[in-house]
């Protein structure tokens, strides 16, 4: 699986959310792929666990 653009990453993360029963399961599934969801005052964004940087906004 190769996600090259922010749109690819966003689509993948949201498709994983549709598969998960709860938000906790969703976040756990994403960790398995090396991603995390972080929340701040401006909204949620996807980060890379390996690189630690923000990849894209979810909203």
PDB file of N, CA and C in Angstrom:
ATOM      1  N   UNK A   1       0.845  -1.165   0.000  1.00  0.00           N
ATOM      2  CA  UNK A   1       0.000   0.000   0.000  1.00  0.00           C
ATOM      3  C   UNK A   1       0.893   1.231   0.000  1.00  0.00           C
ATOM      4  N   UNK A   2       0.732   2.075  -0.993  1.00  0.00           N
ATOM      5  CA  UNK A   2       1.536   3.281  -1.095  1.00  0.00           C
ATOM      6  C   UNK A   2       0.612   4.484  -1.186  1.00  0.00           C
ATOM      7  N   UNK A   3       0.654   5.308  -0.173  1.00  0.00           N
ATOM      8  CA  UNK A   3      -0.167   6.513  -0.130  1.00  0.00           C
ATOM      9  C   UNK A   3       0.746   7.703  -0.399  1.00  0.00           C
ATOM     10  N   UNK A   4       0.549   8.329  -1.543  1.00  0.00           N
ATOM     11  CA  UNK A   4       1.485   9.369  -1.956  1.00  0.00           C
ATOM     12  C   UNK A   4       0.984  10.784  -1.741  1.00  0.00           C
ATOM     13  N   UNK A   5      -0.305  10.992  -1.816  1.00  0.00           N
ATOM     14  CA  UNK A   5      -0.816  12.355  -1.672  1.00  0.00           C
ATOM     15  C   UNK A   5      -1.644  12.486  -0.404  1.00  0.00           C
ATOM     16  N   UNK A   6      -1.880  13.713   0.001  1.00  0.00           N
ATOM     17  CA  UNK A   6      -2.698  13.931   1.192  1.00  0.00           C
ATOM     18  C   UNK A   6      -4.120  13.430   0.974  1.00  0.00           C
ATOM     19  N   UNK A   7      -4.611  13.500  -0.255  1.00  0.00           N
ATOM     20  CA  UNK A   7      -5.946  12.975  -0.545  1.00  0.00           C
ATOM     21  C   UNK A   7      -5.991  11.463  -0.363  1.00  0.00           C
ATOM     22  N   UNK A   8      -4.923  10.761  -0.782  1.00  0.00           N
ATOM     23  CA  UNK A   8      -4.844   9.308  -0.596  1.00  0.00           C
ATOM     24  C   UNK A   8      -4.851   8.954   0.892  1.00  0.00           C
ATOM     25  N   UNK A   9      -4.081   9.694   1.667  1.00  0.00           N
ATOM     26  CA  UNK A   9      -4.005   9.433   3.101  1.00  0.00           C
ATOM     27  C   UNK A   9      -5.354   9.695   3.755  1.00  0.00           C
ATOM     28  N   UNK A  10      -5.968  10.832   3.441  1.00  0.00           N
ATOM     29  CA  UNK A  10      -7.273  11.177   4.009  1.00  0.00           C
ATOM     30  C   UNK A  10      -8.316  10.126   3.645  1.00  0.00           C
ATOM     31  N   UNK A  11      -8.354   9.694   2.388  1.00  0.00           N
ATOM     32  CA  UNK A  11      -9.313   8.677   1.964  1.00  0.00           C
ATOM     33  C   UNK A  11      -9.099   7.364   2.709  1.00  0.00           C
ATOM     34  N   UNK A  12      -7.851   6.972   2.874  1.00  0.00           N
ATOM     35  CA  UNK A  12      -7.534   5.745   3.595  1.00  0.00           C
ATOM     36  C   UNK A  12      -7.980   5.831   5.053  1.00  0.00           C
ATOM     37  N   UNK A  13      -7.647   6.922   5.709  1.00  0.00           N
ATOM     38  CA  UNK A  13      -7.988   7.089   7.122  1.00  0.00           C
ATOM     39  C   UNK A  13      -9.503   7.084   7.315  1.00  0.00           C
ATOM     40  N   UNK A  14     -10.221   7.757   6.443  1.00  0.00           N
ATOM     41  CA  UNK A  14     -11.681   7.789   6.565  1.00  0.00           C
ATOM     42  C   UNK A  14     -12.313   6.446   6.216  1.00  0.00           C
ATOM     43  N   UNK A  15     -11.710   5.697   5.298  1.00  0.00           N
ATOM     44  CA  UNK A  15     -12.245   4.359   5.001  1.00  0.00           C
ATOM     45  C   UNK A  15     -12.021   3.419   6.183  1.00  0.00           C
ATOM     46  N   UNK A  16     -10.889   3.576   6.870  1.00  0.00           N
ATOM     47  CA  UNK A  16     -10.649   2.787   8.083  1.00  0.00           C
ATOM     48  C   UNK A  16     -11.654   3.161   9.171  1.00  0.00           C
ATOM     49  N   UNK A  17     -12.033   4.418   9.236  1.00  0.00           N
ATOM     50  CA  UNK A  17     -13.032   4.846  10.226  1.00  0.00           C
ATOM     51  C   UNK A  17     -14.373   4.183   9.954  1.00  0.00           C
ATOM     52  N   UNK A  18     -14.716   4.043   8.690  1.00  0.00           N
ATOM     53  CA  UNK A  18     -15.985   3.405   8.327  1.00  0.00           C
ATOM     54  C   UNK A  18     -15.987   1.925   8.708  1.00  0.00           C
ATOM     55  N   UNK A  19     -14.834   1.291   8.727  1.00  0.00           N
ATOM     56  CA  UNK A  19     -14.724  -0.127   9.073  1.00  0.00           C
ATOM     57  C   UNK A  19     -14.724  -0.361  10.583  1.00  0.00           C
ATOM     58  N   UNK A  20     -14.316   0.631  11.350  1.00  0.00           N
ATOM     59  CA  UNK A  20     -14.173   0.471  12.802  1.00  0.00           C
ATOM     60  C   UNK A  20     -15.502   0.694  13.508  1.00  0.00           C
ATOM     61  N   UNK A  21     -15.682  -0.038  14.597  1.00  0.00           N
ATOM     62  CA  UNK A  21     -16.906   0.067  15.395  1.00  0.00           C
ATOM     63  C   UNK A  21     -16.873   1.288  16.306  1.00  0.00           C
ATOM     64  N   UNK A  22     -15.686   1.639  16.797  1.00  0.00           N
ATOM     65  CA  UNK A  22     -15.559   2.761  17.720  1.00  0.00           C
ATOM     66  C   UNK A  22     -14.354   3.615  17.333  1.00  0.00           C
ATOM     67  N   UNK A  23     -14.305   4.793  17.921  1.00  0.00           N
ATOM     68  CA  UNK A  23     -13.159   5.668  17.658  1.00  0.00           C
ATOM     69  C   UNK A  23     -11.875   5.050  18.207  1.00  0.00           C
ATOM     70  N   UNK A  24     -11.977   4.375  19.337  1.00  0.00           N
ATOM     71  CA  UNK A  24     -10.799   3.719  19.917  1.00  0.00           C
ATOM     72  C   UNK A  24     -10.248   2.648  18.974  1.00  0.00           C
ATOM     73  N   UNK A  25     -11.135   1.835  18.398  1.00  0.00           N
ATOM     74  CA  UNK A  25     -10.692   0.808  17.454  1.00  0.00           C
ATOM     75  C   UNK A  25     -10.063   1.450  16.225  1.00  0.00           C
ATOM     76  N   UNK A  26     -10.660   2.526  15.745  1.00  0.00           N
ATOM     77  CA  UNK A  26     -10.150   3.242  14.573  1.00  0.00           C
ATOM     78  C   UNK A  26      -8.722   3.711  14.816  1.00  0.00           C
ATOM     79  N   UNK A  27      -8.500   4.347  15.962  1.00  0.00           N
ATOM     80  CA  UNK A  27      -7.156   4.834  16.277  1.00  0.00           C
ATOM     81  C   UNK A  27      -6.164   3.674  16.403  1.00  0.00           C
ATOM     82  N   UNK A  28      -6.617   2.558  16.952  1.00  0.00           N
ATOM     83  CA  UNK A  28      -5.765   1.375  17.068  1.00  0.00           C
ATOM     84  C   UNK A  28      -5.404   0.821  15.688  1.00  0.00           C
ATOM     85  N   UNK A  29      -6.394   0.743  14.798  1.00  0.00           N
ATOM     86  CA  UNK A  29      -6.149   0.270  13.431  1.00  0.00           C
ATOM     87  C   UNK A  29      -5.132   1.159  12.727  1.00  0.00           C
ATOM     88  N   UNK A  30      -5.272   2.464  12.892  1.00  0.00           N
ATOM     89  CA  UNK A  30      -4.345   3.392  12.237  1.00  0.00           C
ATOM     90  C   UNK A  30      -2.923   3.238  12.759  1.00  0.00           C
ATOM     91  N   UNK A  31      -2.774   3.008  14.051  1.00  0.00           N
ATOM     92  CA  UNK A  31      -1.431   2.781  14.617  1.00  0.00           C
ATOM     93  C   UNK A  31      -0.748   1.586  13.967  1.00  0.00           C
ATOM     94  N   UNK A  32      -1.535   0.580  13.625  1.00  0.00           N
ATOM     95  CA  UNK A  32      -0.975  -0.586  12.943  1.00  0.00           C
ATOM     96  C   UNK A  32      -0.393  -0.251  11.582  1.00  0.00           C
ATOM     97  N   UNK A  33      -0.885   0.816  10.960  1.00  0.00           N
ATOM     98  CA  UNK A  33      -0.365   1.261   9.663  1.00  0.00           C
ATOM     99  C   UNK A  33       0.666   2.381   9.808  1.00  0.00           C
ATOM    100  N   UNK A  34       0.950   2.791  11.040  1.00  0.00           N
ATOM    101  CA  UNK A  34       1.952   3.834  11.271  1.00  0.00           C
ATOM    102  C   UNK A  34       1.396   5.239  11.295  1.00  0.00           C
ATOM    103  N   UNK A  35       0.090   5.368  11.480  1.00  0.00           N
ATOM    104  CA  UNK A  35      -0.551   6.682  11.532  1.00  0.00           C
ATOM    105  C   UNK A  35      -1.191   6.906  12.886  1.00  0.00           C
ATOM    106  N   UNK A  36      -1.419   8.163  13.209  1.00  0.00           N
ATOM    107  CA  UNK A  36      -2.145   8.531  14.422  1.00  0.00           C
ATOM    108  C   UNK A  36      -3.023   9.727  14.080  1.00  0.00           C
ATOM    109  N   UNK A  37      -4.070   9.907  14.860  1.00  0.00           N
ATOM    110  CA  UNK A  37      -4.942  11.074  14.708  1.00  0.00           C
ATOM    111  C   UNK A  37      -4.734  11.949  15.932  1.00  0.00           C
ATOM    112  N   UNK A  38      -4.428  13.196  15.695  1.00  0.00           N
ATOM    113  CA  UNK A  38      -4.233  14.163  16.780  1.00  0.00           C
ATOM    114  C   UNK A  38      -5.293  15.252  16.652  1.00  0.00           C
ATOM    115  N   UNK A  39      -5.762  15.707  17.798  1.00  0.00           N
ATOM    116  CA  UNK A  39      -6.745  16.782  17.835  1.00  0.00           C
ATOM    117  C   UNK A  39      -6.102  18.036  18.402  1.00  0.00           C
ATOM    118  N   UNK A  40      -6.476  19.180  17.823  1.00  0.00           N
ATOM    119  CA  UNK A  40      -6.063  20.460  18.379  1.00  0.00           C
ATOM    120  C   UNK A  40      -7.236  21.428  18.269  1.00  0.00           C
ATOM    121  N   UNK A  41      -7.016  22.671  18.559  1.00  0.00           N
ATOM    122  CA  UNK A  41      -8.102  23.658  18.548  1.00  0.00           C
ATOM    123  C   UNK A  41      -8.705  23.851  17.158  1.00  0.00           C
ATOM    124  N   UNK A  42      -7.933  23.585  16.130  1.00  0.00           N
ATOM    125  CA  UNK A  42      -8.398  23.785  14.756  1.00  0.00           C
ATOM    126  C   UNK A  42      -9.060  22.558  14.162  1.00  0.00           C
ATOM    127  N   UNK A  43      -8.953  21.405  14.821  1.00  0.00           N
ATOM    128  CA  UNK A  43      -9.555  20.175  14.313  1.00  0.00           C
ATOM    129  C   UNK A  43      -8.604  19.001  14.401  1.00  0.00           C
ATOM    130  N   UNK A  44      -8.978  17.926  13.726  1.00  0.00           N
ATOM    131  CA  UNK A  44      -8.171  16.695  13.763  1.00  0.00           C
ATOM    132  C   UNK A  44      -7.237  16.640  12.560  1.00  0.00           C
ATOM    133  N   UNK A  45      -6.071  16.034  12.763  1.00  0.00           N
ATOM    134  CA  UNK A  45      -5.137  15.831  11.668  1.00  0.00           C
ATOM    135  C   UNK A  45      -4.428  14.491  11.821  1.00  0.00           C
ATOM    136  N   UNK A  46      -3.975  13.964  10.710  1.00  0.00           N
ATOM    137  CA  UNK A  46      -3.272  12.684  10.669  1.00  0.00           C
ATOM    138  C   UNK A  46      -1.777  12.951  10.775  1.00  0.00           C
ATOM    139  N   UNK A  47      -1.115  12.166  11.626  1.00  0.00           N
ATOM    140  CA  UNK A  47       0.329  12.281  11.763  1.00  0.00           C
ATOM    141  C   UNK A  47       0.982  10.939  11.464  1.00  0.00           C
ATOM    142  N   UNK A  48       2.249  10.989  11.161  1.00  0.00           N
ATOM    143  CA  UNK A  48       3.048   9.783  10.965  1.00  0.00           C
ATOM    144  C   UNK A  48       3.706   9.429  12.288  1.00  0.00           C
ATOM    145  N   UNK A  49       3.543   8.203  12.734  1.00  0.00           N
ATOM    146  CA  UNK A  49       4.176   7.771  13.973  1.00  0.00           C
ATOM    147  C   UNK A  49       5.695   7.727  13.791  1.00  0.00           C
ATOM    148  N   UNK A  50       6.148   7.306  12.636  1.00  0.00           N
ATOM    149  CA  UNK A  50       7.590   7.186  12.395  1.00  0.00           C
ATOM    150  C   UNK A  50       8.278   8.533  12.266  1.00  0.00           C
ATOM    151  N   UNK A  51       7.665   9.448  11.540  1.00  0.00           N
ATOM    152  CA  UNK A  51       8.281  10.756  11.303  1.00  0.00           C
ATOM    153  C   UNK A  51       7.813  11.807  12.298  1.00  0.00           C
ATOM    154  N   UNK A  52       6.641  11.587  12.900  1.00  0.00           N
ATOM    155  CA  UNK A  52       6.131  12.495  13.914  1.00  0.00           C
ATOM    156  C   UNK A  52       5.509  13.775  13.390  1.00  0.00           C
ATOM    157  N   UNK A  53       5.465  13.953  12.099  1.00  0.00           N
ATOM    158  CA  UNK A  53       4.929  15.183  11.544  1.00  0.00           C
ATOM    159  C   UNK A  53       3.500  15.039  11.067  1.00  0.00           C
ATOM    160  N   UNK A  54       2.821  16.168  10.990  1.00  0.00           N
ATOM    161  CA  UNK A  54       1.453  16.194  10.477  1.00  0.00           C
ATOM    162  C   UNK A  54       1.460  15.910   8.982  1.00  0.00           C
ATOM    163  N   UNK A  55       0.506  15.091   8.532  1.00  0.00           N
ATOM    164  CA  UNK A  55       0.423  14.737   7.119  1.00  0.00           C
ATOM    165  C   UNK A  55      -0.737  15.434   6.419  1.00  0.00           C
ATOM    166  N   UNK A  56      -1.895  15.482   7.085  1.00  0.00           N
ATOM    167  CA  UNK A  56      -3.051  16.152   6.487  1.00  0.00           C
ATOM    168  C   UNK A  56      -4.120  16.398   7.538  1.00  0.00           C
ATOM    169  N   UNK A  57      -4.973  17.348   7.280  1.00  0.00           N
ATOM    170  CA  UNK A  57      -6.125  17.642   8.134  1.00  0.00           C
ATOM    171  C   UNK A  57      -7.290  16.749   7.741  1.00  0.00           C
ATOM    172  N   UNK A  58      -8.081  16.375   8.724  1.00  0.00           N
ATOM    173  CA  UNK A  58      -9.262  15.569   8.440  1.00  0.00           C
ATOM    174  C   UNK A  58     -10.511  16.422   8.228  1.00  0.00           C
ATOM    175  N   UNK A  59     -10.485  17.645   8.673  1.00  0.00           N
ATOM    176  CA  UNK A  59     -11.665  18.505   8.506  1.00  0.00           C
ATOM    177  C   UNK A  59     -11.279  19.890   8.069  1.00  0.00           C
TER     178      UNK A  59
END
